[in-house]
Amino acid sequence: MWRTEARIVACIILFWLTEDFLWFVLNPAYGLARFAPAYVPWHIHWFWFAPTDCWTMSAAAAVLFFVSRVR
């Protein structure tokens, strides 16, 4: 049962990460070119090309997917 719950939480995290990124890409006021710290002040900490929140949540989703694999 806990594996199913881990998979569900991982899918929710992945959904919100995708939604956040697509909001920037599809928003005419931003676009992919303005997905940067200079234009997105509410994401304070950045690593490489994305906010650290994205990296942290991606890692959490990956771990949850890994532990939820079917045996």
PDB file of N, CA and C in Angstrom:
ATOM      1  N   MET A   1       0.821  -1.205   0.000  1.00  0.00           N
ATOM      2  CA  MET A   1       0.000   0.000   0.000  1.00  0.00           C
ATOM      3  C   MET A   1       0.861   1.264   0.000  1.00  0.00           C
ATOM      4  N   TRP A   2       1.960   1.274   0.753  1.00  0.00           N
ATOM      5  CA  TRP A   2       2.783   2.483   0.819  1.00  0.00           C
ATOM      6  C   TRP A   2       3.475   2.753  -0.510  1.00  0.00           C
ATOM      7  N   ARG A   3       3.714   1.710  -1.289  1.00  0.00           N
ATOM      8  CA  ARG A   3       4.340   1.913  -2.598  1.00  0.00           C
ATOM      9  C   ARG A   3       3.410   2.684  -3.536  1.00  0.00           C
ATOM     10  N   THR A   4       2.142   2.373  -3.454  1.00  0.00           N
ATOM     11  CA  THR A   4       1.163   3.097  -4.273  1.00  0.00           C
ATOM     12  C   THR A   4       1.113   4.561  -3.859  1.00  0.00           C
ATOM     13  N   GLU A   5       1.136   4.815  -2.570  1.00  0.00           N
ATOM     14  CA  GLU A   5       1.100   6.193  -2.085  1.00  0.00           C
ATOM     15  C   GLU A   5       2.363   6.950  -2.487  1.00  0.00           C
ATOM     16  N   ALA A   6       3.504   6.288  -2.431  1.00  0.00           N
ATOM     17  CA  ALA A   6       4.754   6.927  -2.860  1.00  0.00           C
ATOM     18  C   ALA A   6       4.687   7.273  -4.341  1.00  0.00           C
ATOM     19  N   ARG A   7       4.141   6.385  -5.145  1.00  0.00           N
ATOM     20  CA  ARG A   7       4.011   6.640  -6.586  1.00  0.00           C
ATOM     21  C   ARG A   7       3.055   7.811  -6.840  1.00  0.00           C
ATOM     22  N   ILE A   8       1.968   7.877  -6.097  1.00  0.00           N
ATOM     23  CA  ILE A   8       1.009   8.975  -6.264  1.00  0.00           C
ATOM     24  C   ILE A   8       1.645  10.311  -5.913  1.00  0.00           C
ATOM     25  N   VAL A   9       2.363  10.363  -4.804  1.00  0.00           N
ATOM     26  CA  VAL A   9       3.024  11.611  -4.400  1.00  0.00           C
ATOM     27  C   VAL A   9       4.081  12.011  -5.432  1.00  0.00           C
ATOM     28  N   ALA A  10       4.825  11.055  -5.947  1.00  0.00           N
ATOM     29  CA  ALA A  10       5.815  11.344  -6.982  1.00  0.00           C
ATOM     30  C   ALA A  10       5.147  11.914  -8.233  1.00  0.00           C
ATOM     31  N   CYS A  11       4.020  11.370  -8.618  1.00  0.00           N
ATOM     32  CA  CYS A  11       3.301  11.873  -9.794  1.00  0.00           C
ATOM     33  C   CYS A  11       2.773  13.287  -9.555  1.00  0.00           C
ATOM     34  N   ILE A  12       2.315  13.568  -8.353  1.00  0.00           N
ATOM     35  CA  ILE A  12       1.840  14.920  -8.027  1.00  0.00           C
ATOM     36  C   ILE A  12       2.995  15.910  -8.096  1.00  0.00           C
ATOM     37  N   ILE A  13       4.142  15.536  -7.534  1.00  0.00           N
ATOM     38  CA  ILE A  13       5.317  16.405  -7.599  1.00  0.00           C
ATOM     39  C   ILE A  13       5.709  16.656  -9.050  1.00  0.00           C
ATOM     40  N   LEU A  14       5.745  15.605  -9.841  1.00  0.00           N
ATOM     41  CA  LEU A  14       6.106  15.740 -11.249  1.00  0.00           C
ATOM     42  C   LEU A  14       5.109  16.624 -12.001  1.00  0.00           C
ATOM     43  N   PHE A  15       3.839  16.487 -11.688  1.00  0.00           N
ATOM     44  CA  PHE A  15       2.822  17.336 -12.310  1.00  0.00           C
ATOM     45  C   PHE A  15       3.084  18.804 -12.009  1.00  0.00           C
ATOM     46  N   TRP A  16       3.342  19.150 -10.737  1.00  0.00           N
ATOM     47  CA  TRP A  16       3.534  20.550 -10.369  1.00  0.00           C
ATOM     48  C   TRP A  16       4.833  21.112 -10.922  1.00  0.00           C
ATOM     49  N   LEU A  17       5.867  20.300 -11.024  1.00  0.00           N
ATOM     50  CA  LEU A  17       7.101  20.759 -11.653  1.00  0.00           C
ATOM     51  C   LEU A  17       6.876  21.073 -13.130  1.00  0.00           C
ATOM     52  N   THR A  18       6.166  20.201 -13.801  1.00  0.00           N
ATOM     53  CA  THR A  18       5.861  20.399 -15.214  1.00  0.00           C
ATOM     54  C   THR A  18       4.979  21.627 -15.409  1.00  0.00           C
ATOM     55  N   GLU A  19       3.974  21.763 -14.564  1.00  0.00           N
ATOM     56  CA  GLU A  19       3.061  22.906 -14.661  1.00  0.00           C
ATOM     57  C   GLU A  19       3.817  24.212 -14.461  1.00  0.00           C
ATOM     58  N   ASP A  20       4.695  24.269 -13.481  1.00  0.00           N
ATOM     59  CA  ASP A  20       5.452  25.488 -13.208  1.00  0.00           C
ATOM     60  C   ASP A  20       6.338  25.853 -14.398  1.00  0.00           C
ATOM     61  N   PHE A  21       7.046  24.868 -14.943  1.00  0.00           N
ATOM     62  CA  PHE A  21       7.916  25.139 -16.083  1.00  0.00           C
ATOM     63  C   PHE A  21       7.106  25.565 -17.313  1.00  0.00           C
ATOM     64  N   LEU A  22       6.010  24.877 -17.593  1.00  0.00           N
ATOM     65  CA  LEU A  22       5.203  25.235 -18.760  1.00  0.00           C
ATOM     66  C   LEU A  22       4.543  26.605 -18.609  1.00  0.00           C
ATOM     67  N   TRP A  23       4.284  27.019 -17.369  1.00  0.00           N
ATOM     68  CA  TRP A  23       3.726  28.359 -17.163  1.00  0.00           C
ATOM     69  C   TRP A  23       4.683  29.397 -17.731  1.00  0.00           C
ATOM     70  N   PHE A  24       5.969  29.213 -17.503  1.00  0.00           N
ATOM     71  CA  PHE A  24       6.954  30.152 -18.041  1.00  0.00           C
ATOM     72  C   PHE A  24       7.090  30.019 -19.547  1.00  0.00           C
ATOM     73  N   VAL A  25       7.171  28.814 -20.037  1.00  0.00           N
ATOM     74  CA  VAL A  25       7.399  28.598 -21.465  1.00  0.00           C
ATOM     75  C   VAL A  25       6.226  29.112 -22.296  1.00  0.00           C
ATOM     76  N   LEU A  26       5.011  28.862 -21.855  1.00  0.00           N
ATOM     77  CA  LEU A  26       3.827  29.235 -22.648  1.00  0.00           C
ATOM     78  C   LEU A  26       3.309  30.638 -22.363  1.00  0.00           C
ATOM     79  N   ASN A  27       3.809  31.279 -21.329  1.00  0.00           N
ATOM     80  CA  ASN A  27       3.365  32.623 -20.970  1.00  0.00           C
ATOM     81  C   ASN A  27       4.049  33.634 -21.892  1.00  0.00           C
ATOM     82  N   PRO A  28       3.273  34.420 -22.646  1.00  0.00           N
ATOM     83  CA  PRO A  28       3.877  35.371 -23.574  1.00  0.00           C
ATOM     84  C   PRO A  28       4.725  36.446 -22.878  1.00  0.00           C
ATOM     85  N   ALA A  29       4.467  36.709 -21.617  1.00  0.00           N
ATOM     86  CA  ALA A  29       5.239  37.719 -20.892  1.00  0.00           C
ATOM     87  C   ALA A  29       6.620  37.207 -20.480  1.00  0.00           C
ATOM     88  N   TYR A  30       6.835  35.883 -20.508  1.00  0.00           N
ATOM     89  CA  TYR A  30       8.117  35.325 -20.096  1.00  0.00           C
ATOM     90  C   TYR A  30       8.779  34.556 -21.227  1.00  0.00           C
ATOM     91  N   GLY A  31       8.301  33.385 -21.519  1.00  0.00           N
ATOM     92  CA  GLY A  31       8.949  32.543 -22.514  1.00  0.00           C
ATOM     93  C   GLY A  31      10.186  31.885 -21.940  1.00  0.00           C
ATOM     94  N   LEU A  32      10.765  30.988 -22.682  1.00  0.00           N
ATOM     95  CA  LEU A  32      11.933  30.247 -22.226  1.00  0.00           C
ATOM     96  C   LEU A  32      13.150  31.157 -22.037  1.00  0.00           C
ATOM     97  N   ALA A  33      13.260  32.191 -22.853  1.00  0.00           N
ATOM     98  CA  ALA A  33      14.410  33.095 -22.766  1.00  0.00           C
ATOM     99  C   ALA A  33      14.429  33.880 -21.455  1.00  0.00           C
ATOM    100  N   ARG A  34      13.269  34.114 -20.866  1.00  0.00           N
ATOM    101  CA  ARG A  34      13.209  34.884 -19.621  1.00  0.00           C
ATOM    102  C   ARG A  34      13.049  33.999 -18.392  1.00  0.00           C
ATOM    103  N   PHE A  35      13.279  32.720 -18.547  1.00  0.00           N
ATOM    104  CA  PHE A  35      13.279  31.799 -17.412  1.00  0.00           C
ATOM    105  C   PHE A  35      14.665  31.855 -16.782  1.00  0.00           C
ATOM    106  N   ALA A  36      14.908  32.954 -16.066  1.00  0.00           N
ATOM    107  CA  ALA A  36      16.224  33.226 -15.484  1.00  0.00           C
ATOM    108  C   ALA A  36      16.035  34.014 -14.187  1.00  0.00           C
ATOM    109  N   PRO A  37      17.029  33.989 -13.311  1.00  0.00           N
ATOM    110  CA  PRO A  37      16.895  34.681 -12.020  1.00  0.00           C
ATOM    111  C   PRO A  37      16.619  36.179 -12.149  1.00  0.00           C
ATOM    112  N   ALA A  38      17.108  36.801 -13.189  1.00  0.00           N
ATOM    113  CA  ALA A  38      16.891  38.236 -13.366  1.00  0.00           C
ATOM    114  C   ALA A  38      15.424  38.577 -13.613  1.00  0.00           C
ATOM    115  N   TYR A  39      14.676  37.655 -14.179  1.00  0.00           N
ATOM    116  CA  TYR A  39      13.282  37.909 -14.531  1.00  0.00           C
ATOM    117  C   TYR A  39      12.283  37.225 -13.598  1.00  0.00           C
ATOM    118  N   VAL A  40      12.754  36.336 -12.746  1.00  0.00           N
ATOM    119  CA  VAL A  40      11.861  35.567 -11.867  1.00  0.00           C
ATOM    120  C   VAL A  40      12.303  35.764 -10.413  1.00  0.00           C
ATOM    121  N   PRO A  41      11.922  36.894  -9.816  1.00  0.00           N
ATOM    122  CA  PRO A  41      12.428  37.209  -8.472  1.00  0.00           C
ATOM    123  C   PRO A  41      11.844  36.348  -7.351  1.00  0.00           C
ATOM    124  N   TRP A  42      10.729  35.679  -7.584  1.00  0.00           N
ATOM    125  CA  TRP A  42      10.140  34.877  -6.509  1.00  0.00           C
ATOM    126  C   TRP A  42      10.830  33.527  -6.325  1.00  0.00           C
ATOM    127  N   HIS A  43      11.611  33.108  -7.296  1.00  0.00           N
ATOM    128  CA  HIS A  43      12.491  31.951  -7.107  1.00  0.00           C
ATOM    129  C   HIS A  43      13.863  32.533  -6.749  1.00  0.00           C
ATOM    130  N   ILE A  44      14.206  32.483  -5.478  1.00  0.00           N
ATOM    131  CA  ILE A  44      15.388  33.188  -4.993  1.00  0.00           C
ATOM    132  C   ILE A  44      16.687  32.459  -5.332  1.00  0.00           C
ATOM    133  N   HIS A  45      16.740  31.170  -5.077  1.00  0.00           N
ATOM    134  CA  HIS A  45      17.967  30.399  -5.264  1.00  0.00           C
ATOM    135  C   HIS A  45      17.901  29.601  -6.569  1.00  0.00           C
ATOM    136  N   TRP A  46      18.926  29.744  -7.388  1.00  0.00           N
ATOM    137  CA  TRP A  46      19.000  29.055  -8.668  1.00  0.00           C
ATOM    138  C   TRP A  46      20.273  28.225  -8.723  1.00  0.00           C
ATOM    139  N   PHE A  47      20.189  27.095  -9.399  1.00  0.00           N
ATOM    140  CA  PHE A  47      21.354  26.270  -9.664  1.00  0.00           C
ATOM    141  C   PHE A  47      21.313  25.873 -11.126  1.00  0.00           C
ATOM    142  N   TRP A  48      22.377  26.153 -11.829  1.00  0.00           N
ATOM    143  CA  TRP A  48      22.487  25.902 -13.247  1.00  0.00           C
ATOM    144  C   TRP A  48      21.420  26.688 -13.988  1.00  0.00           C
ATOM    145  N   PHE A  49      20.376  26.072 -14.532  1.00  0.00           N
ATOM    146  CA  PHE A  49      19.378  26.808 -15.312  1.00  0.00           C
ATOM    147  C   PHE A  49      17.984  26.769 -14.695  1.00  0.00           C
ATOM    148  N   ALA A  50      17.851  26.283 -13.448  1.00  0.00           N
ATOM    149  CA  ALA A  50      16.530  26.145 -12.834  1.00  0.00           C
ATOM    150  C   ALA A  50      16.598  26.500 -11.347  1.00  0.00           C
ATOM    151  N   PRO A  51      15.465  26.869 -10.781  1.00  0.00           N
ATOM    152  CA  PRO A  51      15.439  27.129  -9.337  1.00  0.00           C
ATOM    153  C   PRO A  51      15.802  25.865  -8.552  1.00  0.00           C
ATOM    154  N   THR A  52      16.405  26.060  -7.392  1.00  0.00           N
ATOM    155  CA  THR A  52      16.797  24.908  -6.580  1.00  0.00           C
ATOM    156  C   THR A  52      15.587  24.093  -6.138  1.00  0.00           C
ATOM    157  N   ASP A  53      14.438  24.732  -6.025  1.00  0.00           N
ATOM    158  CA  ASP A  53      13.216  23.988  -5.685  1.00  0.00           C
ATOM    159  C   ASP A  53      12.941  22.903  -6.724  1.00  0.00           C
ATOM    160  N   CYS A  54      13.163  23.222  -7.977  1.00  0.00           N
ATOM    161  CA  CYS A  54      12.931  22.241  -9.043  1.00  0.00           C
ATOM    162  C   CYS A  54      13.872  21.049  -8.908  1.00  0.00           C
ATOM    163  N   TRP A  55      15.142  21.320  -8.606  1.00  0.00           N
ATOM    164  CA  TRP A  55      16.109  20.231  -8.438  1.00  0.00           C
ATOM    165  C   TRP A  55      15.764  19.378  -7.223  1.00  0.00           C
ATOM    166  N   THR A  56      15.410  20.026  -6.126  1.00  0.00           N
ATOM    167  CA  THR A  56      15.081  19.296  -4.897  1.00  0.00           C
ATOM    168  C   THR A  56      13.854  18.420  -5.088  1.00  0.00           C
ATOM    169  N   MET A  57      12.824  18.990  -5.675  1.00  0.00           N
ATOM    170  CA  MET A  57      11.596  18.231  -5.871  1.00  0.00           C
ATOM    171  C   MET A  57      11.760  17.147  -6.932  1.00  0.00           C
ATOM    172  N   SER A  58      12.599  17.383  -7.933  1.00  0.00           N
ATOM    173  CA  SER A  58      12.883  16.339  -8.922  1.00  0.00           C
ATOM    174  C   SER A  58      13.586  15.157  -8.268  1.00  0.00           C
ATOM    175  N   ALA A  59      14.523  15.454  -7.381  1.00  0.00           N
ATOM    176  CA  ALA A  59      15.212  14.381  -6.659  1.00  0.00           C
ATOM    177  C   ALA A  59      14.251  13.624  -5.751  1.00  0.00           C
ATOM    178  N   ALA A  60      13.370  14.352  -5.075  1.00  0.00           N
ATOM    179  CA  ALA A  60      12.390  13.697  -4.205  1.00  0.00           C
ATOM    180  C   ALA A  60      11.462  12.802  -5.021  1.00  0.00           C
ATOM    181  N   ALA A  61      11.004  13.284  -6.162  1.00  0.00           N
ATOM    182  CA  ALA A  61      10.129  12.476  -7.022  1.00  0.00           C
ATOM    183  C   ALA A  61      10.865  11.239  -7.529  1.00  0.00           C
ATOM    184  N   ALA A  62      12.129  11.400  -7.896  1.00  0.00           N
ATOM    185  CA  ALA A  62      12.902  10.252  -8.379  1.00  0.00           C
ATOM    186  C   ALA A  62      13.054   9.190  -7.289  1.00  0.00           C
ATOM    187  N   VAL A  63      13.322   9.632  -6.069  1.00  0.00           N
ATOM    188  CA  VAL A  63      13.449   8.685  -4.951  1.00  0.00           C
ATOM    189  C   VAL A  63      12.121   7.980  -4.715  1.00  0.00           C
ATOM    190  N   LEU A  64      11.032   8.737  -4.726  1.00  0.00           N
ATOM    191  CA  LEU A  64       9.715   8.128  -4.508  1.00  0.00           C
ATOM    192  C   LEU A  64       9.368   7.138  -5.619  1.00  0.00           C
ATOM    193  N   PHE A  65       9.687   7.484  -6.858  1.00  0.00           N
ATOM    194  CA  PHE A  65       9.457   6.531  -7.950  1.00  0.00           C
ATOM    195  C   PHE A  65      10.299   5.277  -7.764  1.00  0.00           C
ATOM    196  N   PHE A  66      11.547   5.463  -7.332  1.00  0.00           N
ATOM    197  CA  PHE A  66      12.430   4.326  -7.141  1.00  0.00           C
ATOM    198  C   PHE A  66      11.911   3.385  -6.045  1.00  0.00           C
ATOM    199  N   VAL A  67      11.492   3.939  -4.908  1.00  0.00           N
ATOM    200  CA  VAL A  67      11.025   3.086  -3.820  1.00  0.00           C
ATOM    201  C   VAL A  67       9.646   2.496  -4.095  1.00  0.00           C
ATOM    202  N   SER A  68       8.922   3.073  -5.057  1.00  0.00           N
ATOM    203  CA  SER A  68       7.582   2.568  -5.341  1.00  0.00           C
ATOM    204  C   SER A  68       7.560   1.512  -6.440  1.00  0.00           C
ATOM    205  N   ARG A  69       8.727   1.139  -6.938  1.00  0.00           N
ATOM    206  CA  ARG A  69       8.738   0.159  -8.027  1.00  0.00           C
ATOM    207  C   ARG A  69       8.131  -1.166  -7.577  1.00  0.00           C
ATOM    208  N   VAL A  70       7.522  -1.816  -8.511  1.00  0.00           N
ATOM    209  CA  VAL A  70       6.836  -3.086  -8.219  1.00  0.00           C
ATOM    210  C   VAL A  70       7.862  -4.206  -8.188  1.00  0.00           C
ATOM    211  N   ARG A  71       7.736  -5.077  -7.232  1.00  0.00           N
ATOM    212  CA  ARG A  71       8.652  -6.221  -7.111  1.00  0.00           C
ATOM    213  C   ARG A  71       8.032  -7.469  -7.669  1.00  0.00           C
TER     214      ARG A  71
END
